[in-house]
Structure formats: structure tokens, C-alpha cells
Amino acid sequence: MIFEKVKEIIAETMGITEEEIAMDSHLIDDLGADSIDAVELSISIEETFDLDLDDDDILKFEKVSDIVEFLENNN
């Protein structure tokens, strides 16, 4: 469930299809995320899951699975 929502957020934020996103996709290397995408993703995640991310949390997100794992443990 969380993975599906995260895929939706990433696809919408980065202008890609959900089919391009796998649990082990690397945000930068595989999906082409840049610093602006990272900020937009963090804002969308905060709004969707009603939580506050600090800079340390955001910097730890290298793969989609990192985001999903964080949300499973903190939501």
C-alpha cells in the first residue's frame, strides 16, 4: 500500500510513469532525480503522510525502498 502511494508521488513529481518505478530503483541513477525533485518529493511525502522530514532523513533516501521503509517505520 505504501509502495503504491510512493510510486504515485514519484511519478507525479518527476513526470514519469509508475511502471518505470521499482522498489529497488535508485532515485538519481535510475529515475534521474535532481535536487529540485528531492525537495518536491519530500514536500509531497510530508503532505501525503502527514509528517515532518528533516534534512538528515531526506539525504538517506537513495532508493525507493529507503522511502518505503522509512514510512513503514514512522507512520
PDB file of N, CA and C in Angstrom:
ATOM      1  N   MET A   1       0.822  -1.199   0.000  1.00  0.00           N
ATOM      2  CA  MET A   1       0.000   0.000   0.000  1.00  0.00           C
ATOM      3  C   MET A   1       0.866   1.262   0.000  1.00  0.00           C
ATOM      4  N   ILE A   2       1.836   1.318   0.919  1.00  0.00           N
ATOM      5  CA  ILE A   2       2.718   2.491   0.978  1.00  0.00           C
ATOM      6  C   ILE A   2       3.525   2.602  -0.312  1.00  0.00           C
ATOM      7  N   PHE A   3       4.028   1.460  -0.807  1.00  0.00           N
ATOM      8  CA  PHE A   3       4.818   1.475  -2.038  1.00  0.00           C
ATOM      9  C   PHE A   3       4.007   2.052  -3.202  1.00  0.00           C
ATOM     10  N   GLU A   4       2.744   1.659  -3.310  1.00  0.00           N
ATOM     11  CA  GLU A   4       1.902   2.160  -4.396  1.00  0.00           C
ATOM     12  C   GLU A   4       1.731   3.678  -4.311  1.00  0.00           C
ATOM     13  N   LYS A   5       1.545   4.193  -3.109  1.00  0.00           N
ATOM     14  CA  LYS A   5       1.381   5.641  -2.925  1.00  0.00           C
ATOM     15  C   LYS A   5       2.692   6.367  -3.228  1.00  0.00           C
ATOM     16  N   VAL A   6       3.808   5.793  -2.786  1.00  0.00           N
ATOM     17  CA  VAL A   6       5.120   6.394  -3.058  1.00  0.00           C
ATOM     18  C   VAL A   6       5.379   6.420  -4.564  1.00  0.00           C
ATOM     19  N   LYS A   7       5.047   5.337  -5.260  1.00  0.00           N
ATOM     20  CA  LYS A   7       5.199   5.314  -6.721  1.00  0.00           C
ATOM     21  C   LYS A   7       4.385   6.424  -7.369  1.00  0.00           C
ATOM     22  N   GLU A   8       3.163   6.594  -6.892  1.00  0.00           N
ATOM     23  CA  GLU A   8       2.291   7.639  -7.429  1.00  0.00           C
ATOM     24  C   GLU A   8       2.902   9.025  -7.220  1.00  0.00           C
ATOM     25  N   ILE A   9       3.432   9.271  -6.026  1.00  0.00           N
ATOM     26  CA  ILE A   9       4.053  10.564  -5.710  1.00  0.00           C
ATOM     27  C   ILE A   9       5.275  10.802  -6.594  1.00  0.00           C
ATOM     28  N   ILE A  10       6.129   9.791  -6.715  1.00  0.00           N
ATOM     29  CA  ILE A  10       7.346   9.931  -7.522  1.00  0.00           C
ATOM     30  C   ILE A  10       6.987  10.187  -8.985  1.00  0.00           C
ATOM     31  N   ALA A  11       6.057   9.412  -9.518  1.00  0.00           N
ATOM     32  CA  ALA A  11       5.662   9.568 -10.923  1.00  0.00           C
ATOM     33  C   ALA A  11       5.116  10.965 -11.185  1.00  0.00           C
ATOM     34  N   GLU A  12       4.248  11.426 -10.297  1.00  0.00           N
ATOM     35  CA  GLU A  12       3.648  12.749 -10.471  1.00  0.00           C
ATOM     36  C   GLU A  12       4.691  13.858 -10.349  1.00  0.00           C
ATOM     37  N   THR A  13       5.566  13.741  -9.372  1.00  0.00           N
ATOM     38  CA  THR A  13       6.578  14.768  -9.122  1.00  0.00           C
ATOM     39  C   THR A  13       7.607  14.840 -10.243  1.00  0.00           C
ATOM     40  N   MET A  14       8.014  13.671 -10.745  1.00  0.00           N
ATOM     41  CA  MET A  14       9.107  13.629 -11.706  1.00  0.00           C
ATOM     42  C   MET A  14       8.649  13.511 -13.158  1.00  0.00           C
ATOM     43  N   GLY A  15       7.348  13.411 -13.374  1.00  0.00           N
ATOM     44  CA  GLY A  15       6.845  13.331 -14.738  1.00  0.00           C
ATOM     45  C   GLY A  15       7.205  12.042 -15.451  1.00  0.00           C
ATOM     46  N   ILE A  16       7.209  10.927 -14.715  1.00  0.00           N
ATOM     47  CA  ILE A  16       7.477   9.617 -15.304  1.00  0.00           C
ATOM     48  C   ILE A  16       6.283   8.710 -15.013  1.00  0.00           C
ATOM     49  N   THR A  17       6.274   7.534 -15.628  1.00  0.00           N
ATOM     50  CA  THR A  17       5.168   6.607 -15.388  1.00  0.00           C
ATOM     51  C   THR A  17       5.468   5.734 -14.176  1.00  0.00           C
ATOM     52  N   GLU A  18       4.412   5.271 -13.529  1.00  0.00           N
ATOM     53  CA  GLU A  18       4.586   4.393 -12.373  1.00  0.00           C
ATOM     54  C   GLU A  18       5.275   3.092 -12.763  1.00  0.00           C
ATOM     55  N   GLU A  19       5.110   2.658 -14.015  1.00  0.00           N
ATOM     56  CA  GLU A  19       5.736   1.428 -14.492  1.00  0.00           C
ATOM     57  C   GLU A  19       7.258   1.522 -14.497  1.00  0.00           C
ATOM     58  N   GLU A  20       7.789   2.731 -14.552  1.00  0.00           N
ATOM     59  CA  GLU A  20       9.239   2.927 -14.555  1.00  0.00           C
ATOM     60  C   GLU A  20       9.843   2.792 -13.156  1.00  0.00           C
ATOM     61  N   ILE A  21       9.001   2.731 -12.135  1.00  0.00           N
ATOM     62  CA  ILE A  21       9.460   2.788 -10.753  1.00  0.00           C
ATOM     63  C   ILE A  21       9.349   1.416 -10.103  1.00  0.00           C
ATOM     64  N   ALA A  22      10.480   0.916  -9.620  1.00  0.00           N
ATOM     65  CA  ALA A  22      10.520  -0.347  -8.886  1.00  0.00           C
ATOM     66  C   ALA A  22      10.994  -0.068  -7.465  1.00  0.00           C
ATOM     67  N   MET A  23      10.769  -1.019  -6.591  1.00  0.00           N
ATOM     68  CA  MET A  23      11.170  -0.858  -5.198  1.00  0.00           C
ATOM     69  C   MET A  23      12.674  -0.595  -5.097  1.00  0.00           C
ATOM     70  N   ASP A  24      13.466  -1.234  -5.972  1.00  0.00           N
ATOM     71  CA  ASP A  24      14.921  -1.071  -5.889  1.00  0.00           C
ATOM     72  C   ASP A  24      15.462   0.019  -6.817  1.00  0.00           C
ATOM     73  N   SER A  25      14.579   0.828  -7.395  1.00  0.00           N
ATOM     74  CA  SER A  25      15.028   1.925  -8.262  1.00  0.00           C
ATOM     75  C   SER A  25      15.813   2.954  -7.459  1.00  0.00           C
ATOM     76  N   HIS A  26      16.969   3.324  -7.987  1.00  0.00           N
ATOM     77  CA  HIS A  26      17.793   4.375  -7.389  1.00  0.00           C
ATOM     78  C   HIS A  26      17.235   5.709  -7.881  1.00  0.00           C
ATOM     79  N   LEU A  27      16.961   6.605  -6.952  1.00  0.00           N
ATOM     80  CA  LEU A  27      16.298   7.862  -7.308  1.00  0.00           C
ATOM     81  C   LEU A  27      17.093   8.692  -8.310  1.00  0.00           C
ATOM     82  N   ILE A  28      18.398   8.752  -8.154  1.00  0.00           N
ATOM     83  CA  ILE A  28      19.226   9.560  -9.053  1.00  0.00           C
ATOM     84  C   ILE A  28      19.643   8.759 -10.285  1.00  0.00           C
ATOM     85  N   ASP A  29      20.271   7.602 -10.069  1.00  0.00           N
ATOM     86  CA  ASP A  29      20.835   6.837 -11.180  1.00  0.00           C
ATOM     87  C   ASP A  29      19.776   6.250 -12.109  1.00  0.00           C
ATOM     88  N   ASP A  30      18.696   5.711 -11.545  1.00  0.00           N
ATOM     89  CA  ASP A  30      17.678   5.051 -12.361  1.00  0.00           C
ATOM     90  C   ASP A  30      16.554   5.989 -12.802  1.00  0.00           C
ATOM     91  N   LEU A  31      16.160   6.896 -11.913  1.00  0.00           N
ATOM     92  CA  LEU A  31      14.990   7.731 -12.191  1.00  0.00           C
ATOM     93  C   LEU A  31      15.342   9.165 -12.575  1.00  0.00           C
ATOM     94  N   GLY A  32      16.611   9.535 -12.451  1.00  0.00           N
ATOM     95  CA  GLY A  32      17.052  10.855 -12.891  1.00  0.00           C
ATOM     96  C   GLY A  32      16.670  12.005 -11.979  1.00  0.00           C
ATOM     97  N   ALA A  33      16.462  11.720 -10.700  1.00  0.00           N
ATOM     98  CA  ALA A  33      16.086  12.778  -9.753  1.00  0.00           C
ATOM     99  C   ALA A  33      17.237  13.763  -9.568  1.00  0.00           C
ATOM    100  N   ASP A  34      16.876  15.025  -9.365  1.00  0.00           N
ATOM    101  CA  ASP A  34      17.867  16.043  -9.032  1.00  0.00           C
ATOM    102  C   ASP A  34      17.466  16.689  -7.711  1.00  0.00           C
ATOM    103  N   SER A  35      18.169  17.734  -7.312  1.00  0.00           N
ATOM    104  CA  SER A  35      17.912  18.350  -6.007  1.00  0.00           C
ATOM    105  C   SER A  35      16.516  18.967  -5.928  1.00  0.00           C
ATOM    106  N   ILE A  36      16.040  19.510  -7.022  1.00  0.00           N
ATOM    107  CA  ILE A  36      14.687  20.081  -7.030  1.00  0.00           C
ATOM    108  C   ILE A  36      13.652  18.969  -6.859  1.00  0.00           C
ATOM    109  N   ASP A  37      13.870  17.844  -7.550  1.00  0.00           N
ATOM    110  CA  ASP A  37      12.969  16.700  -7.387  1.00  0.00           C
ATOM    111  C   ASP A  37      12.952  16.230  -5.936  1.00  0.00           C
ATOM    112  N   ALA A  38      14.122  16.201  -5.301  1.00  0.00           N
ATOM    113  CA  ALA A  38      14.209  15.752  -3.910  1.00  0.00           C
ATOM    114  C   ALA A  38      13.380  16.637  -2.988  1.00  0.00           C
ATOM    115  N   VAL A  39      13.464  17.935  -3.192  1.00  0.00           N
ATOM    116  CA  VAL A  39      12.680  18.867  -2.375  1.00  0.00           C
ATOM    117  C   VAL A  39      11.185  18.662  -2.625  1.00  0.00           C
ATOM    118  N   GLU A  40      10.804  18.558  -3.891  1.00  0.00           N
ATOM    119  CA  GLU A  40       9.390  18.359  -4.226  1.00  0.00           C
ATOM    120  C   GLU A  40       8.871  17.030  -3.693  1.00  0.00           C
ATOM    121  N   LEU A  41       9.689  15.978  -3.781  1.00  0.00           N
ATOM    122  CA  LEU A  41       9.297  14.676  -3.240  1.00  0.00           C
ATOM    123  C   LEU A  41       9.091  14.746  -1.737  1.00  0.00           C
ATOM    124  N   SER A  42      10.021  15.394  -1.049  1.00  0.00           N
ATOM    125  CA  SER A  42       9.903  15.470   0.409  1.00  0.00           C
ATOM    126  C   SER A  42       8.650  16.237   0.823  1.00  0.00           C
ATOM    127  N   ILE A  43       8.326  17.309   0.116  1.00  0.00           N
ATOM    128  CA  ILE A  43       7.114  18.077   0.426  1.00  0.00           C
ATOM    129  C   ILE A  43       5.873  17.219   0.186  1.00  0.00           C
ATOM    130  N   SER A  44       5.836  16.516  -0.929  1.00  0.00           N
ATOM    131  CA  SER A  44       4.684  15.665  -1.237  1.00  0.00           C
ATOM    132  C   SER A  44       4.535  14.536  -0.227  1.00  0.00           C
ATOM    133  N   ILE A  45       5.648  13.948   0.177  1.00  0.00           N
ATOM    134  CA  ILE A  45       5.606  12.871   1.172  1.00  0.00           C
ATOM    135  C   ILE A  45       5.106  13.408   2.507  1.00  0.00           C
ATOM    136  N   GLU A  46       5.616  14.574   2.898  1.00  0.00           N
ATOM    137  CA  GLU A  46       5.170  15.186   4.159  1.00  0.00           C
ATOM    138  C   GLU A  46       3.671  15.451   4.139  1.00  0.00           C
ATOM    139  N   GLU A  47       3.177  16.001   3.044  1.00  0.00           N
ATOM    140  CA  GLU A  47       1.751  16.328   2.947  1.00  0.00           C
ATOM    141  C   GLU A  47       0.887  15.071   2.893  1.00  0.00           C
ATOM    142  N   THR A  48       1.305  14.093   2.122  1.00  0.00           N
ATOM    143  CA  THR A  48       0.515  12.880   1.943  1.00  0.00           C
ATOM    144  C   THR A  48       0.445  12.045   3.213  1.00  0.00           C
ATOM    145  N   PHE A  49       1.584  11.931   3.900  1.00  0.00           N
ATOM    146  CA  PHE A  49       1.651  11.056   5.070  1.00  0.00           C
ATOM    147  C   PHE A  49       1.593  11.822   6.386  1.00  0.00           C
ATOM    148  N   ASP A  50       1.364  13.132   6.321  1.00  0.00           N
ATOM    149  CA  ASP A  50       1.199  13.981   7.500  1.00  0.00           C
ATOM    150  C   ASP A  50       2.349  13.805   8.495  1.00  0.00           C
ATOM    151  N   LEU A  51       3.552  14.067   8.017  1.00  0.00           N
ATOM    152  CA  LEU A  51       4.726  14.001   8.882  1.00  0.00           C
ATOM    153  C   LEU A  51       5.730  15.058   8.473  1.00  0.00           C
ATOM    154  N   ASP A  52       6.722  15.264   9.316  1.00  0.00           N
ATOM    155  CA  ASP A  52       7.788  16.224   9.027  1.00  0.00           C
ATOM    156  C   ASP A  52       9.084  15.472   8.791  1.00  0.00           C
ATOM    157  N   LEU A  53       9.720  15.734   7.665  1.00  0.00           N
ATOM    158  CA  LEU A  53      11.017  15.146   7.357  1.00  0.00           C
ATOM    159  C   LEU A  53      12.093  16.176   7.641  1.00  0.00           C
ATOM    160  N   ASP A  54      13.166  15.736   8.283  1.00  0.00           N
ATOM    161  CA  ASP A  54      14.282  16.661   8.435  1.00  0.00           C
ATOM    162  C   ASP A  54      15.313  16.369   7.349  1.00  0.00           C
ATOM    163  N   ASP A  55      16.275  17.246   7.210  1.00  0.00           N
ATOM    164  CA  ASP A  55      17.264  17.118   6.133  1.00  0.00           C
ATOM    165  C   ASP A  55      18.025  15.803   6.199  1.00  0.00           C
ATOM    166  N   ASP A  56      18.302  15.315   7.411  1.00  0.00           N
ATOM    167  CA  ASP A  56      19.016  14.044   7.552  1.00  0.00           C
ATOM    168  C   ASP A  56      18.217  12.891   6.958  1.00  0.00           C
ATOM    169  N   ASP A  57      16.906  12.895   7.185  1.00  0.00           N
ATOM    170  CA  ASP A  57      16.062  11.837   6.627  1.00  0.00           C
ATOM    171  C   ASP A  57      16.089  11.876   5.106  1.00  0.00           C
ATOM    172  N   ILE A  58      15.934  13.049   4.549  1.00  0.00           N
ATOM    173  CA  ILE A  58      15.878  13.199   3.094  1.00  0.00           C
ATOM    174  C   ILE A  58      17.179  12.726   2.445  1.00  0.00           C
ATOM    175  N   LEU A  59      18.310  13.036   3.050  1.00  0.00           N
ATOM    176  CA  LEU A  59      19.601  12.649   2.488  1.00  0.00           C
ATOM    177  C   LEU A  59      19.816  11.139   2.494  1.00  0.00           C
ATOM    178  N   LYS A  60      19.094  10.417   3.339  1.00  0.00           N
ATOM    179  CA  LYS A  60      19.218   8.958   3.417  1.00  0.00           C
ATOM    180  C   LYS A  60      18.454   8.249   2.304  1.00  0.00           C
ATOM    181  N   PHE A  61      17.567   8.946   1.630  1.00  0.00           N
ATOM    182  CA  PHE A  61      16.738   8.325   0.602  1.00  0.00           C
ATOM    183  C   PHE A  61      17.504   8.212  -0.707  1.00  0.00           C
ATOM    184  N   GLU A  62      18.118   7.054  -0.934  1.00  0.00           N
ATOM    185  CA  GLU A  62      18.810   6.814  -2.196  1.00  0.00           C
ATOM    186  C   GLU A  62      17.953   5.999  -3.153  1.00  0.00           C
ATOM    187  N   LYS A  63      17.184   5.070  -2.592  1.00  0.00           N
ATOM    188  CA  LYS A  63      16.324   4.199  -3.391  1.00  0.00           C
ATOM    189  C   LYS A  63      14.877   4.366  -2.960  1.00  0.00           C
ATOM    190  N   VAL A  64      13.986   3.940  -3.816  1.00  0.00           N
ATOM    191  CA  VAL A  64      12.563   3.967  -3.482  1.00  0.00           C
ATOM    192  C   VAL A  64      12.321   3.165  -2.211  1.00  0.00           C
ATOM    193  N   SER A  65      13.008   2.045  -2.066  1.00  0.00           N
ATOM    194  CA  SER A  65      12.835   1.196  -0.879  1.00  0.00           C
ATOM    195  C   SER A  65      13.202   1.932   0.406  1.00  0.00           C
ATOM    196  N   ASP A  66      14.141   2.871   0.342  1.00  0.00           N
ATOM    197  CA  ASP A  66      14.506   3.662   1.528  1.00  0.00           C
ATOM    198  C   ASP A  66      13.326   4.514   1.989  1.00  0.00           C
ATOM    199  N   ILE A  67      12.604   5.090   1.045  1.00  0.00           N
ATOM    200  CA  ILE A  67      11.437   5.912   1.379  1.00  0.00           C
ATOM    201  C   ILE A  67      10.346   5.039   1.984  1.00  0.00           C
ATOM    202  N   VAL A  68      10.071   3.902   1.336  1.00  0.00           N
ATOM    203  CA  VAL A  68       9.017   3.000   1.809  1.00  0.00           C
ATOM    204  C   VAL A  68       9.339   2.495   3.209  1.00  0.00           C
ATOM    205  N   GLU A  69      10.577   2.073   3.424  1.00  0.00           N
ATOM    206  CA  GLU A  69      10.984   1.569   4.744  1.00  0.00           C
ATOM    207  C   GLU A  69      10.846   2.653   5.809  1.00  0.00           C
ATOM    208  N   PHE A  70      11.270   3.862   5.498  1.00  0.00           N
ATOM    209  CA  PHE A  70      11.142   4.973   6.443  1.00  0.00           C
ATOM    210  C   PHE A  70       9.678   5.200   6.811  1.00  0.00           C
ATOM    211  N   LEU A  71       8.813   5.215   5.807  1.00  0.00           N
ATOM    212  CA  LEU A  71       7.391   5.465   6.058  1.00  0.00           C
ATOM    213  C   LEU A  71       6.748   4.333   6.853  1.00  0.00           C
ATOM    214  N   GLU A  72       7.150   3.102   6.571  1.00  0.00           N
ATOM    215  CA  GLU A  72       6.613   1.968   7.331  1.00  0.00           C
ATOM    216  C   GLU A  72       7.003   2.055   8.801  1.00  0.00           C
ATOM    217  N   ASN A  73       8.185   2.568   9.067  1.00  0.00           N
ATOM    218  CA  ASN A  73       8.675   2.664  10.445  1.00  0.00           C
ATOM    219  C   ASN A  73       8.242   3.929  11.168  1.00  0.00           C
ATOM    220  N   ASN A  74       7.770   4.931  10.432  1.00  0.00           N
ATOM    221  CA  ASN A  74       7.467   6.227  11.049  1.00  0.00           C
ATOM    222  C   ASN A  74       6.057   6.733  10.788  1.00  0.00           C
ATOM    223  N   ASN A  75       5.189   5.887  10.316  1.00  0.00           N
ATOM    224  CA  ASN A  75       3.839   6.357  10.006  1.00  0.00           C
ATOM    225  C   ASN A  75       2.812   5.591  10.811  1.00  0.00           C
TER     226      ASN A  75
END
